[in-house]
PDB file of N, CA and C in Angstrom:
ATOM      1  N   MET A   1       0.800  -0.860   0.036  1.00  0.00           N
ATOM      2  CA  MET A   1       0.035   0.097   0.037  1.00  0.00           C
ATOM      3  C   MET A   1       0.971   1.194   0.017  1.00  0.00           C
ATOM      4  N   SER A   2       0.169   1.854  -0.793  1.00  0.00           N
ATOM      5  CA  SER A   2       1.309   3.096  -0.772  1.00  0.00           C
ATOM      6  C   SER A   2       0.778   4.398  -0.514  1.00  0.00           C
ATOM      7  N   THR A   3       1.233   5.744   0.355  1.00  0.00           N
ATOM      8  CA  THR A   3       0.276   6.769   0.810  1.00  0.00           C
ATOM      9  C   THR A   3       1.040   7.814  -0.105  1.00  0.00           C
ATOM     10  N   LEU A   4      -0.585   8.591  -0.108  1.00  0.00           N
ATOM     11  CA  LEU A   4      -0.467   9.248  -1.611  1.00  0.00           C
ATOM     12  C   LEU A   4      -0.996  11.101  -0.774  1.00  0.00           C
ATOM     13  N   THR A   5      -0.190  12.251  -0.378  1.00  0.00           N
ATOM     14  CA  THR A   5      -0.702  13.680   0.176  1.00  0.00           C
ATOM     15  C   THR A   5      -1.060  14.614  -1.168  1.00  0.00           C
ATOM     16  N   ILE A   6      -1.799  14.894  -0.856  1.00  0.00           N
ATOM     17  CA  ILE A   6      -2.631  15.811  -1.803  1.00  0.00           C
ATOM     18  C   ILE A   6      -3.393  17.083  -1.345  1.00  0.00           C
ATOM     19  N   GLU A   7      -3.263  18.409  -1.673  1.00  0.00           N
ATOM     20  CA  GLU A   7      -3.864  19.418  -1.293  1.00  0.00           C
ATOM     21  C   GLU A   7      -5.632  19.425  -1.866  1.00  0.00           C
ATOM     22  N   LEU A   8      -6.439  19.514  -0.864  1.00  0.00           N
ATOM     23  CA  LEU A   8      -8.094  19.907  -1.365  1.00  0.00           C
ATOM     24  C   LEU A   8      -8.354  21.438  -1.278  1.00  0.00           C
ATOM     25  N   THR A   9      -9.154  21.776  -2.161  1.00  0.00           N
ATOM     26  CA  THR A   9      -9.604  23.037  -1.751  1.00  0.00           C
ATOM     27  C   THR A   9     -11.036  22.897  -0.740  1.00  0.00           C
ATOM     28  N   ASP A  10     -11.054  23.785  -0.091  1.00  0.00           N
ATOM     29  CA  ASP A  10     -11.715  23.408   1.600  1.00  0.00           C
ATOM     30  C   ASP A  10     -13.294  22.846   0.688  1.00  0.00           C
ATOM     31  N   ASP A  11     -13.901  23.982  -0.720  1.00  0.00           N
ATOM     32  CA  ASP A  11     -15.171  22.820  -1.300  1.00  0.00           C
ATOM     33  C   ASP A  11     -14.775  21.405  -1.357  1.00  0.00           C
ATOM     34  N   LEU A  12     -14.043  21.055  -1.883  1.00  0.00           N
ATOM     35  CA  LEU A  12     -13.504  19.213  -1.920  1.00  0.00           C
ATOM     36  C   LEU A  12     -13.358  18.679  -1.245  1.00  0.00           C
ATOM     37  N   ALA A  13     -12.910  19.154   0.190  1.00  0.00           N
ATOM     38  CA  ALA A  13     -12.714  18.370   1.233  1.00  0.00           C
ATOM     39  C   ALA A  13     -14.152  18.383   2.463  1.00  0.00           C
ATOM     40  N   ALA A  14     -14.559  19.197   2.088  1.00  0.00           N
ATOM     41  CA  ALA A  14     -16.327  19.486   2.434  1.00  0.00           C
ATOM     42  C   ALA A  14     -16.982  18.492   2.184  1.00  0.00           C
ATOM     43  N   ARG A  15     -16.943  18.242   0.951  1.00  0.00           N
ATOM     44  CA  ARG A  15     -17.871  17.348   0.230  1.00  0.00           C
ATOM     45  C   ARG A  15     -17.231  16.041   0.290  1.00  0.00           C
ATOM     46  N   LEU A  16     -15.833  15.661   0.189  1.00  0.00           N
ATOM     47  CA  LEU A  16     -14.996  14.448   0.779  1.00  0.00           C
ATOM     48  C   LEU A  16     -15.808  13.626   2.120  1.00  0.00           C
ATOM     49  N   ALA A  17     -15.494  15.051   3.233  1.00  0.00           N
ATOM     50  CA  ALA A  17     -16.245  14.146   4.309  1.00  0.00           C
ATOM     51  C   ALA A  17     -17.443  14.311   4.484  1.00  0.00           C
ATOM     52  N   ALA A  18     -17.966  15.138   3.786  1.00  0.00           N
ATOM     53  CA  ALA A  18     -19.752  14.575   3.420  1.00  0.00           C
ATOM     54  C   ALA A  18     -20.093  13.517   3.240  1.00  0.00           C
ATOM     55  N   ALA A  19     -18.990  13.130   2.098  1.00  0.00           N
ATOM     56  CA  ALA A  19     -19.639  11.617   1.473  1.00  0.00           C
ATOM     57  C   ALA A  19     -18.765  10.361   2.697  1.00  0.00           C
ATOM     58  N   SER A  20     -17.976  10.595   3.029  1.00  0.00           N
ATOM     59  CA  SER A  20     -17.688   9.881   4.177  1.00  0.00           C
ATOM     60  C   SER A  20     -18.102   9.956   5.089  1.00  0.00           C
ATOM     61  N   ALA A  21     -18.887  10.760   5.892  1.00  0.00           N
ATOM     62  CA  ALA A  21     -20.008  10.184   6.760  1.00  0.00           C
ATOM     63  C   ALA A  21     -21.314   9.822   6.363  1.00  0.00           C
ATOM     64  N   ARG A  22     -21.536  10.065   5.320  1.00  0.00           N
ATOM     65  CA  ARG A  22     -22.313   9.563   4.149  1.00  0.00           C
ATOM     66  C   ARG A  22     -22.815   7.978   4.435  1.00  0.00           C
ATOM     67  N   GLN A  23     -21.524   7.582   3.826  1.00  0.00           N
ATOM     68  CA  GLN A  23     -21.128   6.260   3.828  1.00  0.00           C
ATOM     69  C   GLN A  23     -20.644   5.915   5.084  1.00  0.00           C
ATOM     70  N   GLN A  24     -20.417   5.897   5.937  1.00  0.00           N
ATOM     71  CA  GLN A  24     -19.512   6.044   7.153  1.00  0.00           C
ATOM     72  C   GLN A  24     -18.681   4.672   6.718  1.00  0.00           C
ATOM     73  N   VAL A  25     -17.913   5.604   5.774  1.00  0.00           N
ATOM     74  CA  VAL A  25     -16.252   4.844   5.833  1.00  0.00           C
ATOM     75  C   VAL A  25     -15.571   5.740   5.980  1.00  0.00           C
ATOM     76  N   PRO A  26     -14.335   5.491   6.268  1.00  0.00           N
ATOM     77  CA  PRO A  26     -12.624   6.683   6.105  1.00  0.00           C
ATOM     78  C   PRO A  26     -12.865   7.348   4.922  1.00  0.00           C
ATOM     79  N   ALA A  27     -12.350   8.773   4.676  1.00  0.00           N
ATOM     80  CA  ALA A  27     -12.187   9.419   3.577  1.00  0.00           C
ATOM     81  C   ALA A  27     -11.347   9.030   2.392  1.00  0.00           C
ATOM     82  N   ALA A  28     -10.403   7.925   2.995  1.00  0.00           N
ATOM     83  CA  ALA A  28      -9.561   7.073   1.860  1.00  0.00           C
ATOM     84  C   ALA A  28     -10.162   5.987   1.645  1.00  0.00           C
ATOM     85  N   GLN A  29     -10.715   5.407   1.616  1.00  0.00           N
ATOM     86  CA  GLN A  29     -11.965   4.784   1.157  1.00  0.00           C
ATOM     87  C   GLN A  29     -12.615   5.130   0.288  1.00  0.00           C
ATOM     88  N   VAL A  30     -12.761   6.293   0.248  1.00  0.00           N
ATOM     89  CA  VAL A  30     -14.104   6.896  -0.553  1.00  0.00           C
ATOM     90  C   VAL A  30     -13.362   7.853  -1.685  1.00  0.00           C
ATOM     91  N   VAL A  31     -12.141   7.901  -1.334  1.00  0.00           N
ATOM     92  CA  VAL A  31     -11.172   8.256  -2.312  1.00  0.00           C
ATOM     93  C   VAL A  31     -10.534   7.227  -3.332  1.00  0.00           C
ATOM     94  N   GLN A  32      -9.947   6.270  -2.704  1.00  0.00           N
ATOM     95  CA  GLN A  32      -9.535   5.111  -3.387  1.00  0.00           C
ATOM     96  C   GLN A  32     -10.742   4.336  -4.649  1.00  0.00           C
ATOM     97  N   GLU A  33     -11.655   3.955  -4.034  1.00  0.00           N
ATOM     98  CA  GLU A  33     -13.123   3.800  -4.576  1.00  0.00           C
ATOM     99  C   GLU A  33     -13.039   5.004  -5.880  1.00  0.00           C
ATOM    100  N   ALA A  34     -13.311   6.463  -5.583  1.00  0.00           N
ATOM    101  CA  ALA A  34     -13.513   7.115  -6.619  1.00  0.00           C
ATOM    102  C   ALA A  34     -12.199   7.234  -7.688  1.00  0.00           C
ATOM    103  N   LEU A  35     -10.890   6.747  -7.360  1.00  0.00           N
ATOM    104  CA  LEU A  35      -9.635   6.593  -8.187  1.00  0.00           C
ATOM    105  C   LEU A  35      -9.861   5.169  -9.011  1.00  0.00           C
ATOM    106  N   ALA A  36     -10.477   4.278  -8.204  1.00  0.00           N
ATOM    107  CA  ALA A  36     -10.706   2.840  -8.727  1.00  0.00           C
ATOM    108  C   ALA A  36     -11.431   3.199 -10.009  1.00  0.00           C
ATOM    109  N   LYS A  37     -12.495   3.627  -9.685  1.00  0.00           N
ATOM    110  CA  LYS A  37     -13.454   4.071 -10.849  1.00  0.00           C
ATOM    111  C   LYS A  37     -13.226   4.691 -11.708  1.00  0.00           C
ATOM    112  N   ALA A  38     -12.356   6.168 -11.768  1.00  0.00           N
ATOM    113  CA  ALA A  38     -12.247   6.981 -12.564  1.00  0.00           C
ATOM    114  C   ALA A  38     -10.215   6.247 -13.389  1.00  0.00           C
ATOM    115  N   LEU A  39      -9.911   5.642 -13.127  1.00  0.00           N
ATOM    116  CA  LEU A  39      -8.789   5.387 -13.825  1.00  0.00           C
ATOM    117  C   LEU A  39      -8.913   3.387 -13.561  1.00  0.00           C
ATOM    118  N   PRO A  40      -9.844   3.371 -14.800  1.00  0.00           N
ATOM    119  CA  PRO A  40      -9.936   1.198 -14.920  1.00  0.00           C
ATOM    120  C   PRO A  40      -8.827   0.936 -14.875  1.00  0.00           C
ATOM    121  N   ALA A  41      -8.490  -0.179 -14.513  1.00  0.00           N
ATOM    122  CA  ALA A  41      -7.057  -1.159 -15.075  1.00  0.00           C
ATOM    123  C   ALA A  41      -7.405  -1.461 -16.511  1.00  0.00           C
ATOM    124  N   LEU A  42      -6.203  -1.780 -17.318  1.00  0.00           N
ATOM    125  CA  LEU A  42      -6.492  -2.358 -18.504  1.00  0.00           C
ATOM    126  C   LEU A  42      -6.334  -3.894 -18.311  1.00  0.00           C
ATOM    127  N   PRO A  43      -6.852  -4.565 -19.287  1.00  0.00           N
ATOM    128  CA  PRO A  43      -7.432  -5.789 -19.397  1.00  0.00           C
ATOM    129  C   PRO A  43      -5.736  -6.557 -19.293  1.00  0.00           C
ATOM    130  N   GLU A  44      -5.374  -7.634 -18.466  1.00  0.00           N
ATOM    131  CA  GLU A  44      -4.209  -8.228 -18.483  1.00  0.00           C
ATOM    132  C   GLU A  44      -3.907  -8.540 -20.052  1.00  0.00           C
ATOM    133  N   GLY A  45      -2.556  -7.764 -20.456  1.00  0.00           N
ATOM    134  CA  GLY A  45      -1.577  -8.031 -21.603  1.00  0.00           C
ATOM    135  C   GLY A  45      -2.155  -6.982 -22.683  1.00  0.00           C
ATOM    136  N   LYS A  46      -2.832  -5.849 -22.227  1.00  0.00           N
ATOM    137  CA  LYS A  46      -3.588  -4.933 -23.044  1.00  0.00           C
ATOM    138  C   LYS A  46      -2.605  -3.850 -22.874  1.00  0.00           C
ATOM    139  N   SER A  47      -2.293  -3.244 -23.800  1.00  0.00           N
ATOM    140  CA  SER A  47      -1.738  -1.600 -24.081  1.00  0.00           C
ATOM    141  C   SER A  47      -2.531  -0.652 -23.911  1.00  0.00           C
ATOM    142  N   LEU A  48      -2.507   0.863 -23.881  1.00  0.00           N
ATOM    143  CA  LEU A  48      -3.288   1.623 -23.583  1.00  0.00           C
ATOM    144  C   LEU A  48      -3.358   1.862 -25.377  1.00  0.00           C
ATOM    145  N   TYR A  49      -2.323   1.908 -26.035  1.00  0.00           N
ATOM    146  CA  TYR A  49      -2.344   1.589 -27.378  1.00  0.00           C
ATOM    147  C   TYR A  49      -3.549   0.871 -28.176  1.00  0.00           C
ATOM    148  N   ASP A  50      -3.741  -0.089 -28.173  1.00  0.00           N
ATOM    149  CA  ASP A  50      -4.691  -1.511 -27.887  1.00  0.00           C
ATOM    150  C   ASP A  50      -5.878  -0.868 -27.456  1.00  0.00           C
ATOM    151  N   ALA A  51      -6.348  -0.324 -26.386  1.00  0.00           N
ATOM    152  CA  ALA A  51      -7.626   0.362 -25.932  1.00  0.00           C
ATOM    153  C   ALA A  51      -8.136   1.629 -26.870  1.00  0.00           C
ATOM    154  N   MET A  52      -6.573   2.314 -27.051  1.00  0.00           N
ATOM    155  CA  MET A  52      -7.016   3.694 -27.650  1.00  0.00           C
ATOM    156  C   MET A  52      -7.654   3.046 -29.477  1.00  0.00           C
ATOM    157  N   MET A  53      -6.991   2.339 -29.884  1.00  0.00           N
ATOM    158  CA  MET A  53      -7.104   1.597 -31.222  1.00  0.00           C
ATOM    159  C   MET A  53      -8.952   0.904 -31.240  1.00  0.00           C
ATOM    160  N   GLU A  54      -8.815   0.090 -30.143  1.00  0.00           N
ATOM    161  CA  GLU A  54     -10.607  -0.134 -30.149  1.00  0.00           C
ATOM    162  C   GLU A  54     -11.713   0.940 -30.072  1.00  0.00           C
ATOM    163  N   MET A  55     -11.157   1.949 -29.112  1.00  0.00           N
ATOM    164  CA  MET A  55     -11.770   2.744 -29.447  1.00  0.00           C
ATOM    165  C   MET A  55     -12.070   3.643 -31.033  1.00  0.00           C
ATOM    166  N   GLY A  56     -11.236   3.765 -31.343  1.00  0.00           N
ATOM    167  CA  GLY A  56     -10.941   4.703 -32.624  1.00  0.00           C
ATOM    168  C   GLY A  56     -10.120   6.029 -32.410  1.00  0.00           C
ATOM    169  N   ALA A  57      -9.754   5.758 -31.180  1.00  0.00           N
ATOM    170  CA  ALA A  57      -9.003   6.859 -30.873  1.00  0.00           C
ATOM    171  C   ALA A  57      -7.751   7.744 -31.235  1.00  0.00           C
ATOM    172  N   ILE A  58      -7.118   6.922 -32.122  1.00  0.00           N
ATOM    173  CA  ILE A  58      -6.011   6.827 -32.877  1.00  0.00           C
ATOM    174  C   ILE A  58      -6.170   6.936 -34.117  1.00  0.00           C
ATOM    175  N   GLY A  59      -5.640   7.953 -34.958  1.00  0.00           N
ATOM    176  CA  GLY A  59      -5.747   8.205 -35.802  1.00  0.00           C
ATOM    177  C   GLY A  59      -7.245   9.056 -36.667  1.00  0.00           C
ATOM    178  N   CYS A  60      -7.832   9.592 -35.626  1.00  0.00           N
ATOM    179  CA  CYS A  60      -9.560   9.807 -35.832  1.00  0.00           C
ATOM    180  C   CYS A  60      -9.051  11.599 -35.957  1.00  0.00           C
ATOM    181  N   PHE A  61      -7.777  12.052 -35.386  1.00  0.00           N
ATOM    182  CA  PHE A  61      -8.217  13.775 -35.665  1.00  0.00           C
ATOM    183  C   PHE A  61      -7.779  14.289 -36.754  1.00  0.00           C
ATOM    184  N   ASP A  62      -8.486  15.503 -37.339  1.00  0.00           N
ATOM    185  CA  ASP A  62      -8.150  15.843 -38.694  1.00  0.00           C
ATOM    186  C   ASP A  62      -7.951  17.533 -38.067  1.00  0.00           C
ATOM    187  N   SER A  63      -6.337  17.932 -38.683  1.00  0.00           N
ATOM    188  CA  SER A  63      -5.998  19.114 -38.017  1.00  0.00           C
ATOM    189  C   SER A  63      -6.589  19.953 -39.125  1.00  0.00           C
ATOM    190  N   GLY A  64      -6.853  19.544 -40.497  1.00  0.00           N
ATOM    191  CA  GLY A  64      -7.385  20.660 -41.544  1.00  0.00           C
ATOM    192  C   GLY A  64      -6.516  21.073 -42.377  1.00  0.00           C
ATOM    193  N   VAL A  65      -4.839  21.076 -41.591  1.00  0.00           N
ATOM    194  CA  VAL A  65      -3.742  21.753 -42.665  1.00  0.00           C
ATOM    195  C   VAL A  65      -3.439  20.512 -43.309  1.00  0.00           C
ATOM    196  N   THR A  66      -3.501  20.933 -44.764  1.00  0.00           N
ATOM    197  CA  THR A  66      -3.036  19.804 -45.314  1.00  0.00           C
ATOM    198  C   THR A  66      -1.413  19.825 -45.871  1.00  0.00           C
ATOM    199  N   ASP A  67      -0.768  20.525 -45.508  1.00  0.00           N
ATOM    200  CA  ASP A  67       0.731  20.776 -46.116  1.00  0.00           C
ATOM    201  C   ASP A  67       1.261  20.863 -44.663  1.00  0.00           C
ATOM    202  N   LEU A  68       0.928  19.754 -43.093  1.00  0.00           N
ATOM    203  CA  LEU A  68       1.505  20.607 -42.122  1.00  0.00           C
ATOM    204  C   LEU A  68       3.564  19.622 -42.045  1.00  0.00           C
ATOM    205  N   ALA A  69       2.886  19.057 -42.520  1.00  0.00           N
ATOM    206  CA  ALA A  69       3.965  18.047 -42.852  1.00  0.00           C
ATOM    207  C   ALA A  69       5.414  18.229 -44.014  1.00  0.00           C
ATOM    208  N   THR A  70       5.225  19.332 -44.609  1.00  0.00           N
ATOM    209  CA  THR A  70       5.770  19.721 -45.522  1.00  0.00           C
ATOM    210  C   THR A  70       6.317  21.302 -46.003  1.00  0.00           C
ATOM    211  N   ASN A  71       5.248  22.202 -45.117  1.00  0.00           N
ATOM    212  CA  ASN A  71       5.347  23.604 -45.435  1.00  0.00           C
ATOM    213  C   ASN A  71       6.440  23.768 -44.101  1.00  0.00           C
ATOM    214  N   PRO A  72       7.561  24.609 -44.429  1.00  0.00           N
ATOM    215  CA  PRO A  72       8.556  25.147 -43.262  1.00  0.00           C
ATOM    216  C   PRO A  72       7.577  26.199 -42.528  1.00  0.00           C
ATOM    217  N   LYS A  73       7.061  26.638 -42.537  1.00  0.00           N
ATOM    218  CA  LYS A  73       6.142  27.980 -42.067  1.00  0.00           C
ATOM    219  C   LYS A  73       5.856  27.384 -40.751  1.00  0.00           C
ATOM    220  N   TYR A  74       5.219  25.982 -40.566  1.00  0.00           N
ATOM    221  CA  TYR A  74       4.405  25.289 -39.129  1.00  0.00           C
ATOM    222  C   TYR A  74       6.014  24.760 -38.052  1.00  0.00           C
ATOM    223  N   MET A  75       7.231  25.019 -38.901  1.00  0.00           N
ATOM    224  CA  MET A  75       8.053  24.956 -38.051  1.00  0.00           C
ATOM    225  C   MET A  75       9.057  26.072 -37.313  1.00  0.00           C
ATOM    226  N   GLU A  76       8.268  27.313 -37.564  1.00  0.00           N
ATOM    227  CA  GLU A  76       9.231  28.823 -37.192  1.00  0.00           C
ATOM    228  C   GLU A  76       8.628  28.685 -35.620  1.00  0.00           C
ATOM    229  N   GLY A  77      10.171  28.746 -35.106  1.00  0.00           N
ATOM    230  CA  GLY A  77       9.940  29.214 -33.772  1.00  0.00           C
ATOM    231  C   GLY A  77       9.919  27.698 -32.924  1.00  0.00           C
ATOM    232  N   PHE A  78       9.842  26.207 -33.477  1.00  0.00           N
ATOM    233  CA  PHE A  78      10.152  24.732 -33.006  1.00  0.00           C
ATOM    234  C   PHE A  78      11.297  24.726 -32.128  1.00  0.00           C
ATOM    235  N   GLY A  79      11.016  24.436 -31.001  1.00  0.00           N
ATOM    236  CA  GLY A  79      12.271  24.030 -30.136  1.00  0.00           C
ATOM    237  C   GLY A  79      12.709  25.242 -29.545  1.00  0.00           C
ATOM    238  N   GLN A  80      12.410  26.474 -29.527  1.00  0.00           N
ATOM    239  CA  GLN A  80      13.087  27.673 -29.275  1.00  0.00           C
ATOM    240  C   GLN A  80      12.012  27.784 -27.627  1.00  0.00           C
ATOM    241  N   TRP A  81      13.063  28.603 -26.603  1.00  0.00           N
ATOM    242  CA  TRP A  81      12.479  28.562 -25.280  1.00  0.00           C
ATOM    243  C   TRP A  81      11.687  29.828 -25.327  1.00  0.00           C
ATOM    244  N   GLN A  82      10.044  29.559 -25.027  1.00  0.00           N
ATOM    245  CA  GLN A  82       8.900  30.603 -24.328  1.00  0.00           C
ATOM    246  C   GLN A  82       8.649  30.487 -23.219  1.00  0.00           C
ATOM    247  N   PRO A  83       9.282  31.548 -22.463  1.00  0.00           N
ATOM    248  CA  PRO A  83       8.630  31.249 -20.972  1.00  0.00           C
ATOM    249  C   PRO A  83       6.927  31.999 -20.990  1.00  0.00           C
TER     250      PRO A  83
END
Protein backbone atom coordinates (compact mmCIF):
# COMPACT_ATOMS: atom_id res chain seq x y z
CA MET A 1 0.00 0.00 0.00
CA SER A 2 1.33 3.44 -0.93
CA THR A 3 0.61 6.78 0.69
CA LEU A 4 -0.36 9.86 -1.32
CA THR A 5 -0.56 13.37 0.10
CA ILE A 6 -2.64 15.91 -1.83
CA GLU A 7 -4.04 19.37 -1.28
CA LEU A 8 -7.80 19.84 -1.62
CA THR A 9 -9.83 23.00 -1.97
CA ASP A 10 -12.06 23.74 1.00
CA ASP A 11 -15.12 22.84 -1.07
CA LEU A 12 -13.70 19.51 -2.19
CA ALA A 13 -12.55 18.67 1.35
CA ALA A 14 -16.07 19.39 2.63
CA ARG A 15 -17.60 17.22 -0.09
CA LEU A 16 -15.19 14.40 0.77
CA ALA A 17 -16.00 14.68 4.46
CA ALA A 18 -19.74 14.62 3.70
CA ALA A 19 -19.39 11.56 1.46
CA SER A 20 -17.31 9.83 4.11
CA ALA A 21 -19.92 10.53 6.79
CA ARG A 22 -22.81 9.58 4.52
CA GLN A 23 -21.24 6.23 3.60
CA GLN A 24 -19.86 5.73 7.12
CA VAL A 25 -16.41 4.85 5.78
CA PRO A 26 -13.01 6.56 6.10
CA ALA A 27 -12.28 9.38 3.66
CA ALA A 28 -9.36 7.33 2.27
CA GLN A 29 -11.79 4.62 1.20
CA VAL A 30 -14.00 7.14 -0.61
CA VAL A 31 -10.95 8.48 -2.46
CA GLN A 32 -9.67 4.98 -3.32
CA GLU A 33 -13.06 3.97 -4.73
CA ALA A 34 -13.32 7.19 -6.76
CA LEU A 35 -9.83 6.68 -8.20
CA ALA A 36 -10.53 3.04 -9.01
CA LYS A 37 -13.67 4.11 -10.87
CA ALA A 38 -11.95 6.99 -12.69
CA LEU A 39 -8.83 4.99 -13.58
CA PRO A 40 -9.95 1.54 -14.67
CA ALA A 41 -7.19 -1.03 -15.03
CA LEU A 42 -6.37 -2.26 -18.49
CA PRO A 43 -7.04 -5.97 -19.05
CA GLU A 44 -4.00 -8.22 -18.64
CA GLY A 45 -1.64 -7.96 -21.59
CA LYS A 46 -3.46 -4.99 -23.12
CA SER A 47 -1.65 -1.73 -23.71
CA LEU A 48 -3.07 1.77 -23.74
CA TYR A 49 -2.39 1.79 -27.48
CA ASP A 50 -4.59 -1.31 -27.93
CA ALA A 51 -7.39 0.24 -25.88
CA MET A 52 -7.20 3.50 -27.85
CA MET A 53 -7.28 1.59 -31.14
CA GLU A 54 -10.45 -0.25 -30.05
CA MET A 55 -12.08 3.08 -29.23
CA GLY A 56 -11.08 4.46 -32.61
CA ALA A 57 -9.24 7.30 -30.92
CA ILE A 58 -5.97 6.89 -32.80
CA GLY A 59 -5.69 8.60 -36.15
CA CYS A 60 -9.19 10.01 -35.99
CA PHE A 61 -8.29 13.67 -35.73
CA ASP A 62 -7.91 15.88 -38.77
CA SER A 63 -6.13 19.18 -38.25
CA GLY A 64 -7.49 20.52 -41.53
CA VAL A 65 -3.96 21.55 -42.51
CA THR A 66 -3.08 19.71 -45.70
CA ASP A 67 0.59 20.73 -45.89
CA LEU A 68 1.57 20.32 -42.23
CA ALA A 69 4.42 17.90 -43.00
CA THR A 70 5.87 19.86 -45.90
CA ASN A 71 5.43 23.59 -45.22
CA PRO A 72 8.39 25.07 -43.29
CA LYS A 73 6.29 27.91 -41.86
CA TYR A 74 4.83 25.46 -39.33
CA MET A 75 8.33 24.87 -37.95
CA GLU A 76 8.98 28.55 -37.16
CA GLY A 77 9.93 28.86 -33.52
CA PHE A 78 9.93 25.09 -32.97
CA GLY A 79 12.31 24.13 -30.17
CA GLN A 80 12.80 27.69 -28.96
CA TRP A 81 12.26 28.55 -25.32
CA GLN A 82 9.09 30.54 -24.69
CA PRO A 83 8.61 31.46 -20.99
